[in-house]
Each structure stands twice: as structure tokens, then as C-alpha cells.
Amino acid sequence: MAPPINIGIHGNLIRDVRCDNIRVEDIRWGQLVQMRVTYMPKWNTAPGRGIENDYIKDLTYTGTHAGTSLLLGLDGDHLIKDVTFENLVVNGRVIRDSGGKPAWYLASDGVPMFANEHVHSLRFLTTEEAAAL
């Protein structure tokens, strides 16, 4: 199982995390990415404050068994925001916001990935697009 990249709990704010050059082969169970801001009163003293300004570069997955990746903010005050994936490659295909898909598809559909309404400014860039910023 691939471990979650971030989980925001216990009143923490996870900010400015950078992950680089991660290769994941087929996994039996779990998701490629899981970022959640949660509150479970049975185990936590407070909800996570949020996840923000994370940058995941050169994450590559080759396989068929990963479940849908999850990015889940808790509510309007406990968001996931400003997360960028640069050169996310799933089974040889670069996942990107620009071009190559009908307008009604999200780039995250190619992972597959679900991001709820409490996720803001999620970006998928190619290496060339990131260099041009």
C-alpha cells in the first residue's frame, strides 16, 4: 500500500511540503495519493487546520490496482489549497491541466483522483509548463 502523502489532524497545518522523484509500482491496496483534513473526535483533539502550498514533482505510478486517490478538505475553514503536481505520470501518461482532454473532464480524472469542494487551486503541470512560470 502506498502511504498517504499528508494527513492533517490534531490541529496541525501542513504547509510547504515538497516531494520529488517518487516511483510507485503496482500496489495491492490503497491510493497513490491521499491528502485529507480530518476530525475524528474519538482519536483526535481537534481537526486539522489545513493542507496548503504542497508541491509534488515527478511522481510516477505504473500499475492497475490503485484505488481512486483522495484529496478531501474538511470544510470551508479547513481546506486543501495550492497543491501542484508537476510531471505526474500514470501508466506512461502525463497528467496535465492543459490540452489533450475534452473541457468537461478534469485532469484529475486521468489518475483517477477525487477532490472535494474544499480543495482549491489544484494544478497539474508538465515540466515545461512549470519551468515557464
N, C-alpha and C. Protein backbone atom coordinates (compact mmCIF):
# COMPACT_ATOMS: atom_id res chain seq x y z
N MET A 1 0.84 -1.17 0.00
CA MET A 1 0.00 0.00 0.00
C MET A 1 0.89 1.24 0.00
N ALA A 2 0.58 2.20 -0.85
CA ALA A 2 1.31 3.46 -0.86
C ALA A 2 0.84 4.30 0.32
N PRO A 3 1.76 4.87 1.11
CA PRO A 3 1.36 5.65 2.27
C PRO A 3 0.76 6.98 1.84
N PRO A 4 -0.12 7.58 2.67
CA PRO A 4 -0.62 8.91 2.36
C PRO A 4 0.53 9.90 2.34
N ILE A 5 0.46 10.87 1.45
CA ILE A 5 1.48 11.91 1.42
C ILE A 5 1.30 12.84 2.62
N ASN A 6 0.08 13.25 2.91
CA ASN A 6 -0.21 14.13 4.03
C ASN A 6 -1.53 13.72 4.67
N ILE A 7 -1.63 13.87 5.95
CA ILE A 7 -2.92 13.77 6.62
C ILE A 7 -2.93 14.87 7.68
N GLY A 8 -3.89 15.78 7.59
CA GLY A 8 -3.96 16.89 8.53
C GLY A 8 -4.90 16.58 9.68
N ILE A 9 -4.37 16.40 10.90
CA ILE A 9 -5.18 16.12 12.07
C ILE A 9 -4.58 16.80 13.29
N HIS A 10 -5.23 16.74 14.42
CA HIS A 10 -4.76 17.25 15.70
C HIS A 10 -4.42 18.74 15.66
N GLY A 11 -5.18 19.54 14.95
CA GLY A 11 -4.94 20.98 14.92
C GLY A 11 -3.73 21.40 14.13
N ASN A 12 -3.13 20.51 13.36
CA ASN A 12 -1.92 20.83 12.59
C ASN A 12 -2.26 21.51 11.27
N LEU A 13 -1.33 22.32 10.80
CA LEU A 13 -1.37 22.89 9.46
C LEU A 13 -0.16 22.33 8.73
N ILE A 14 -0.41 21.61 7.66
CA ILE A 14 0.68 21.05 6.87
C ILE A 14 0.89 21.99 5.68
N ARG A 15 2.08 22.60 5.63
CA ARG A 15 2.32 23.63 4.64
C ARG A 15 3.73 23.51 4.08
N ASP A 16 3.87 23.87 2.80
CA ASP A 16 5.17 23.96 2.13
C ASP A 16 5.92 22.63 2.10
N VAL A 17 5.20 21.56 1.86
CA VAL A 17 5.83 20.24 1.73
C VAL A 17 6.18 20.04 0.26
N ARG A 18 7.38 19.52 0.03
CA ARG A 18 7.81 19.21 -1.33
C ARG A 18 8.23 17.75 -1.39
N CYS A 19 7.65 17.03 -2.34
CA CYS A 19 8.02 15.64 -2.60
C CYS A 19 8.56 15.58 -4.02
N ASP A 20 9.64 14.84 -4.22
CA ASP A 20 10.29 14.84 -5.52
C ASP A 20 10.79 13.44 -5.87
N ASN A 21 10.58 13.06 -7.11
CA ASN A 21 11.15 11.84 -7.68
C ASN A 21 10.68 10.57 -6.94
N ILE A 22 9.39 10.33 -6.98
CA ILE A 22 8.80 9.17 -6.32
C ILE A 22 8.30 8.21 -7.40
N ARG A 23 8.72 6.96 -7.31
CA ARG A 23 8.29 5.93 -8.25
C ARG A 23 7.48 4.89 -7.48
N VAL A 24 6.27 4.61 -7.96
CA VAL A 24 5.40 3.63 -7.30
C VAL A 24 5.05 2.57 -8.33
N GLU A 25 5.39 1.33 -8.00
CA GLU A 25 4.97 0.21 -8.84
C GLU A 25 3.59 -0.21 -8.39
N ASP A 26 3.03 -1.18 -9.04
CA ASP A 26 1.66 -1.58 -8.73
C ASP A 26 1.51 -1.89 -7.24
N ILE A 27 0.42 -1.44 -6.68
CA ILE A 27 0.14 -1.67 -5.27
C ILE A 27 -1.08 -2.58 -5.17
N ARG A 28 -1.17 -3.30 -4.08
CA ARG A 28 -2.29 -4.22 -3.90
C ARG A 28 -3.53 -3.55 -3.36
N TRP A 29 -3.32 -2.52 -2.52
CA TRP A 29 -4.43 -1.91 -1.82
C TRP A 29 -4.07 -0.48 -1.47
N GLY A 30 -4.99 0.45 -1.61
CA GLY A 30 -4.74 1.83 -1.24
C GLY A 30 -4.78 2.75 -2.44
N GLN A 31 -4.35 3.98 -2.21
CA GLN A 31 -4.36 5.01 -3.24
C GLN A 31 -2.94 5.51 -3.50
N LEU A 32 -2.74 6.05 -4.68
CA LEU A 32 -1.46 6.67 -4.99
C LEU A 32 -1.25 7.91 -4.12
N VAL A 33 -2.29 8.73 -3.98
CA VAL A 33 -2.22 9.95 -3.19
C VAL A 33 -3.45 10.00 -2.28
N GLN A 34 -3.22 10.40 -1.04
CA GLN A 34 -4.33 10.65 -0.13
C GLN A 34 -3.95 11.83 0.74
N MET A 35 -4.66 12.93 0.57
CA MET A 35 -4.50 14.11 1.42
C MET A 35 -5.87 14.39 2.02
N ARG A 36 -5.93 14.41 3.33
CA ARG A 36 -7.21 14.64 4.00
C ARG A 36 -7.02 15.54 5.20
N VAL A 37 -7.92 16.49 5.35
CA VAL A 37 -8.02 17.25 6.58
C VAL A 37 -9.19 16.61 7.32
N THR A 38 -8.93 16.06 8.50
CA THR A 38 -9.94 15.26 9.17
C THR A 38 -10.15 15.70 10.61
N TYR A 39 -11.25 15.22 11.14
CA TYR A 39 -11.51 15.34 12.57
C TYR A 39 -12.31 14.11 13.00
N MET A 40 -11.69 13.31 13.83
CA MET A 40 -12.34 12.13 14.39
C MET A 40 -12.23 12.26 15.90
N PRO A 41 -13.28 12.76 16.55
CA PRO A 41 -13.21 13.07 17.99
C PRO A 41 -12.77 11.89 18.86
N LYS A 42 -13.03 10.70 18.41
CA LYS A 42 -12.62 9.53 19.21
C LYS A 42 -11.10 9.44 19.33
N TRP A 43 -10.38 9.92 18.30
CA TRP A 43 -8.92 9.79 18.28
C TRP A 43 -8.17 11.12 18.26
N ASN A 44 -8.83 12.22 17.88
CA ASN A 44 -8.15 13.50 17.69
C ASN A 44 -8.65 14.54 18.68
N THR A 45 -7.76 15.45 19.06
CA THR A 45 -8.14 16.53 19.96
C THR A 45 -8.76 17.71 19.22
N ALA A 46 -8.48 17.84 17.92
CA ALA A 46 -9.01 18.94 17.11
C ALA A 46 -8.88 18.56 15.63
N PRO A 47 -9.66 19.20 14.78
CA PRO A 47 -9.49 18.93 13.35
C PRO A 47 -8.17 19.52 12.85
N GLY A 48 -7.69 18.97 11.75
CA GLY A 48 -6.53 19.58 11.11
C GLY A 48 -6.88 20.98 10.64
N ARG A 49 -5.92 21.90 10.67
CA ARG A 49 -6.19 23.28 10.22
C ARG A 49 -6.16 23.39 8.71
N GLY A 50 -5.48 22.47 8.03
CA GLY A 50 -5.46 22.52 6.58
C GLY A 50 -4.17 21.96 6.00
N ILE A 51 -4.17 21.88 4.69
CA ILE A 51 -3.00 21.47 3.91
C ILE A 51 -2.85 22.51 2.82
N GLU A 52 -1.67 23.10 2.70
CA GLU A 52 -1.52 24.16 1.71
C GLU A 52 -0.09 24.27 1.18
N ASN A 53 -0.03 24.74 -0.06
CA ASN A 53 1.23 25.04 -0.72
C ASN A 53 2.16 23.83 -0.80
N ASP A 54 1.61 22.69 -1.16
CA ASP A 54 2.42 21.48 -1.35
C ASP A 54 2.77 21.32 -2.82
N TYR A 55 3.94 20.75 -3.08
CA TYR A 55 4.42 20.59 -4.45
C TYR A 55 4.93 19.17 -4.60
N ILE A 56 4.30 18.43 -5.50
CA ILE A 56 4.69 17.04 -5.75
C ILE A 56 5.23 16.98 -7.17
N LYS A 57 6.51 16.66 -7.30
CA LYS A 57 7.19 16.68 -8.60
C LYS A 57 7.68 15.28 -8.94
N ASP A 58 7.49 14.90 -10.19
CA ASP A 58 8.00 13.62 -10.73
C ASP A 58 7.50 12.42 -9.93
N LEU A 59 6.20 12.35 -9.75
CA LEU A 59 5.55 11.18 -9.15
C LEU A 59 5.07 10.29 -10.29
N THR A 60 5.55 9.05 -10.30
CA THR A 60 5.22 8.12 -11.38
C THR A 60 4.60 6.86 -10.80
N TYR A 61 3.47 6.47 -11.39
CA TYR A 61 2.80 5.22 -10.98
C TYR A 61 2.63 4.33 -12.21
N THR A 62 3.01 3.08 -12.04
CA THR A 62 2.81 2.07 -13.08
C THR A 62 2.07 0.91 -12.44
N GLY A 63 0.83 0.70 -12.87
CA GLY A 63 0.05 -0.39 -12.31
C GLY A 63 -1.43 -0.26 -12.59
N THR A 64 -2.19 -1.19 -12.04
CA THR A 64 -3.63 -1.23 -12.31
C THR A 64 -4.48 -1.39 -11.05
N HIS A 65 -3.89 -1.51 -9.89
CA HIS A 65 -4.65 -1.83 -8.69
C HIS A 65 -4.91 -0.67 -7.74
N ALA A 66 -4.33 0.49 -7.97
CA ALA A 66 -4.53 1.62 -7.05
C ALA A 66 -5.98 2.06 -7.08
N GLY A 67 -6.51 2.33 -5.89
CA GLY A 67 -7.85 2.88 -5.79
C GLY A 67 -7.84 4.36 -6.14
N THR A 68 -9.01 4.95 -6.20
CA THR A 68 -9.13 6.37 -6.51
C THR A 68 -8.39 7.19 -5.44
N SER A 69 -7.48 8.04 -5.89
CA SER A 69 -6.77 8.93 -4.98
C SER A 69 -7.75 9.95 -4.41
N LEU A 70 -7.50 10.40 -3.17
CA LEU A 70 -8.43 11.29 -2.48
C LEU A 70 -7.73 12.55 -2.00
N LEU A 71 -8.32 13.70 -2.29
CA LEU A 71 -7.94 14.97 -1.70
C LEU A 71 -9.21 15.52 -1.08
N LEU A 72 -9.26 15.54 0.26
CA LEU A 72 -10.50 15.86 0.95
C LEU A 72 -10.26 16.93 2.01
N GLY A 73 -10.72 18.15 1.74
CA GLY A 73 -10.74 19.17 2.77
C GLY A 73 -11.94 18.89 3.67
N LEU A 74 -11.89 19.41 4.90
CA LEU A 74 -12.96 19.12 5.86
C LEU A 74 -14.16 20.03 5.65
N ASP A 75 -13.92 21.34 5.56
CA ASP A 75 -15.00 22.31 5.36
C ASP A 75 -14.36 23.62 4.88
N GLY A 76 -15.15 24.70 4.82
CA GLY A 76 -14.66 25.97 4.32
C GLY A 76 -13.55 26.61 5.13
N ASP A 77 -13.40 26.19 6.38
CA ASP A 77 -12.33 26.72 7.23
C ASP A 77 -11.13 25.79 7.33
N HIS A 78 -11.24 24.60 6.82
CA HIS A 78 -10.18 23.58 6.91
C HIS A 78 -9.97 23.00 5.51
N LEU A 79 -9.26 23.77 4.69
CA LEU A 79 -9.13 23.50 3.26
C LEU A 79 -7.83 22.78 2.91
N ILE A 80 -7.83 22.24 1.70
CA ILE A 80 -6.60 21.88 0.99
C ILE A 80 -6.50 22.90 -0.13
N LYS A 81 -5.38 23.61 -0.19
CA LYS A 81 -5.27 24.64 -1.22
C LYS A 81 -3.83 24.77 -1.72
N ASP A 82 -3.75 25.21 -2.96
CA ASP A 82 -2.46 25.46 -3.62
C ASP A 82 -1.57 24.22 -3.64
N VAL A 83 -2.12 23.13 -4.15
CA VAL A 83 -1.36 21.89 -4.33
C VAL A 83 -1.04 21.76 -5.81
N THR A 84 0.22 21.53 -6.13
CA THR A 84 0.66 21.40 -7.52
C THR A 84 1.33 20.05 -7.72
N PHE A 85 0.93 19.38 -8.78
CA PHE A 85 1.60 18.17 -9.25
C PHE A 85 2.34 18.55 -10.53
N GLU A 86 3.66 18.39 -10.52
CA GLU A 86 4.45 18.61 -11.72
C GLU A 86 4.94 17.26 -12.22
N ASN A 87 4.65 16.98 -13.47
CA ASN A 87 5.08 15.75 -14.12
C ASN A 87 4.57 14.51 -13.37
N LEU A 88 3.27 14.50 -13.08
CA LEU A 88 2.61 13.31 -12.54
C LEU A 88 2.36 12.38 -13.72
N VAL A 89 2.94 11.18 -13.66
CA VAL A 89 2.83 10.23 -14.77
C VAL A 89 2.13 8.97 -14.26
N VAL A 90 1.02 8.62 -14.90
CA VAL A 90 0.26 7.43 -14.56
C VAL A 90 0.25 6.52 -15.78
N ASN A 91 0.89 5.38 -15.64
CA ASN A 91 0.98 4.41 -16.74
C ASN A 91 1.45 5.05 -18.05
N GLY A 92 2.51 5.85 -17.93
CA GLY A 92 3.15 6.45 -19.10
C GLY A 92 2.50 7.72 -19.59
N ARG A 93 1.39 8.14 -19.01
CA ARG A 93 0.68 9.34 -19.46
C ARG A 93 0.86 10.47 -18.45
N VAL A 94 1.33 11.63 -18.94
CA VAL A 94 1.50 12.80 -18.08
C VAL A 94 0.12 13.41 -17.83
N ILE A 95 -0.21 13.59 -16.56
CA ILE A 95 -1.49 14.19 -16.19
C ILE A 95 -1.29 15.70 -16.15
N ARG A 96 -2.09 16.43 -16.92
CA ARG A 96 -1.89 17.87 -17.02
C ARG A 96 -3.21 18.58 -17.24
N ASP A 97 -3.29 19.81 -16.77
CA ASP A 97 -4.49 20.61 -16.96
C ASP A 97 -4.64 21.07 -18.40
N SER A 98 -3.54 21.29 -19.09
CA SER A 98 -3.57 21.86 -20.43
C SER A 98 -3.78 20.79 -21.50
N GLY A 99 -4.64 21.08 -22.45
CA GLY A 99 -4.81 20.28 -23.66
C GLY A 99 -5.01 18.80 -23.48
N GLY A 100 -5.36 18.16 -24.59
CA GLY A 100 -5.43 16.71 -24.64
C GLY A 100 -6.65 16.08 -23.99
N LYS A 101 -7.66 16.88 -23.62
CA LYS A 101 -8.84 16.31 -22.99
C LYS A 101 -10.04 17.19 -23.31
N PRO A 102 -11.22 16.60 -23.37
CA PRO A 102 -12.42 17.43 -23.55
C PRO A 102 -12.61 18.35 -22.34
N ALA A 103 -13.22 19.49 -22.54
CA ALA A 103 -13.37 20.50 -21.49
C ALA A 103 -14.13 20.00 -20.26
N TRP A 104 -15.00 19.02 -20.43
CA TRP A 104 -15.80 18.54 -19.30
C TRP A 104 -15.03 17.57 -18.40
N TYR A 105 -13.86 17.11 -18.82
CA TYR A 105 -13.03 16.25 -17.97
C TYR A 105 -12.09 17.10 -17.14
N LEU A 106 -11.80 16.65 -15.93
CA LEU A 106 -10.78 17.26 -15.10
C LEU A 106 -9.48 16.51 -15.31
N ALA A 107 -8.36 17.19 -15.14
CA ALA A 107 -7.07 16.50 -15.26
C ALA A 107 -6.99 15.35 -14.26
N SER A 108 -7.56 15.54 -13.08
CA SER A 108 -7.52 14.50 -12.05
C SER A 108 -8.26 13.23 -12.45
N ASP A 109 -9.14 13.30 -13.44
CA ASP A 109 -9.83 12.09 -13.91
C ASP A 109 -8.85 11.07 -14.47
N GLY A 110 -7.70 11.53 -14.95
CA GLY A 110 -6.71 10.62 -15.52
C GLY A 110 -5.91 9.86 -14.50
N VAL A 111 -6.05 10.16 -13.21
CA VAL A 111 -5.23 9.49 -12.19
C VAL A 111 -5.77 8.10 -11.86
N PRO A 112 -7.00 7.84 -11.47
CA PRO A 112 -8.10 8.73 -11.13
C PRO A 112 -7.95 9.30 -9.72
N MET A 113 -8.53 10.51 -9.55
CA MET A 113 -8.42 11.23 -8.29
C MET A 113 -9.73 11.97 -8.04
N PHE A 114 -10.18 11.97 -6.80
CA PHE A 114 -11.35 12.74 -6.42
C PHE A 114 -10.91 13.84 -5.48
N ALA A 115 -11.28 15.07 -5.80
CA ALA A 115 -11.03 16.22 -4.94
C ALA A 115 -12.38 16.85 -4.61
N ASN A 116 -12.68 16.99 -3.32
CA ASN A 116 -13.99 17.53 -2.96
C ASN A 116 -14.02 19.05 -3.08
N GLU A 117 -15.17 19.63 -2.70
CA GLU A 117 -15.39 21.07 -2.87
C GLU A 117 -14.52 21.92 -1.94
N HIS A 118 -13.81 21.30 -1.01
CA HIS A 118 -12.94 22.03 -0.09
C HIS A 118 -11.47 21.95 -0.50
N VAL A 119 -11.25 21.66 -1.78
CA VAL A 119 -9.91 21.66 -2.37
C VAL A 119 -9.88 22.80 -3.39
N HIS A 120 -8.96 23.74 -3.19
CA HIS A 120 -8.87 24.91 -4.04
C HIS A 120 -7.48 24.99 -4.67
N SER A 121 -7.42 25.45 -5.90
CA SER A 121 -6.16 25.69 -6.61
C SER A 121 -5.31 24.43 -6.72
N LEU A 122 -5.91 23.38 -7.22
CA LEU A 122 -5.20 22.13 -7.52
C LEU A 122 -4.73 22.23 -8.96
N ARG A 123 -3.41 22.04 -9.18
CA ARG A 123 -2.85 22.19 -10.53
C ARG A 123 -2.05 20.96 -10.93
N PHE A 124 -2.12 20.65 -12.21
CA PHE A 124 -1.34 19.57 -12.82
C PHE A 124 -0.56 20.19 -13.98
N LEU A 125 0.77 20.21 -13.85
CA LEU A 125 1.63 20.86 -14.84
C LEU A 125 2.60 19.87 -15.45
N THR A 126 2.98 20.11 -16.69
CA THR A 126 4.11 19.40 -17.27
C THR A 126 5.39 20.08 -16.76
N THR A 127 6.52 19.43 -16.95
CA THR A 127 7.79 20.04 -16.55
C THR A 127 8.03 21.34 -17.32
N GLU A 128 7.67 21.36 -18.59
CA GLU A 128 7.86 22.56 -19.41
C GLU A 128 6.98 23.71 -18.91
N GLU A 129 5.73 23.40 -18.54
CA GLU A 129 4.84 24.44 -18.03
C GLU A 129 5.34 25.00 -16.70
N ALA A 130 5.86 24.13 -15.84
CA ALA A 130 6.38 24.58 -14.56
C ALA A 130 7.60 25.47 -14.75
N ALA A 131 8.46 25.12 -15.69
CA ALA A 131 9.67 25.92 -15.96
C ALA A 131 9.31 27.31 -16.50
N ALA A 132 8.18 27.41 -17.19
CA ALA A 132 7.78 28.68 -17.78
C ALA A 132 7.15 29.64 -16.76
N LEU A 133 6.83 29.16 -15.57
CA LEU A 133 6.20 30.02 -14.56
C LEU A 133 7.18 30.96 -13.91
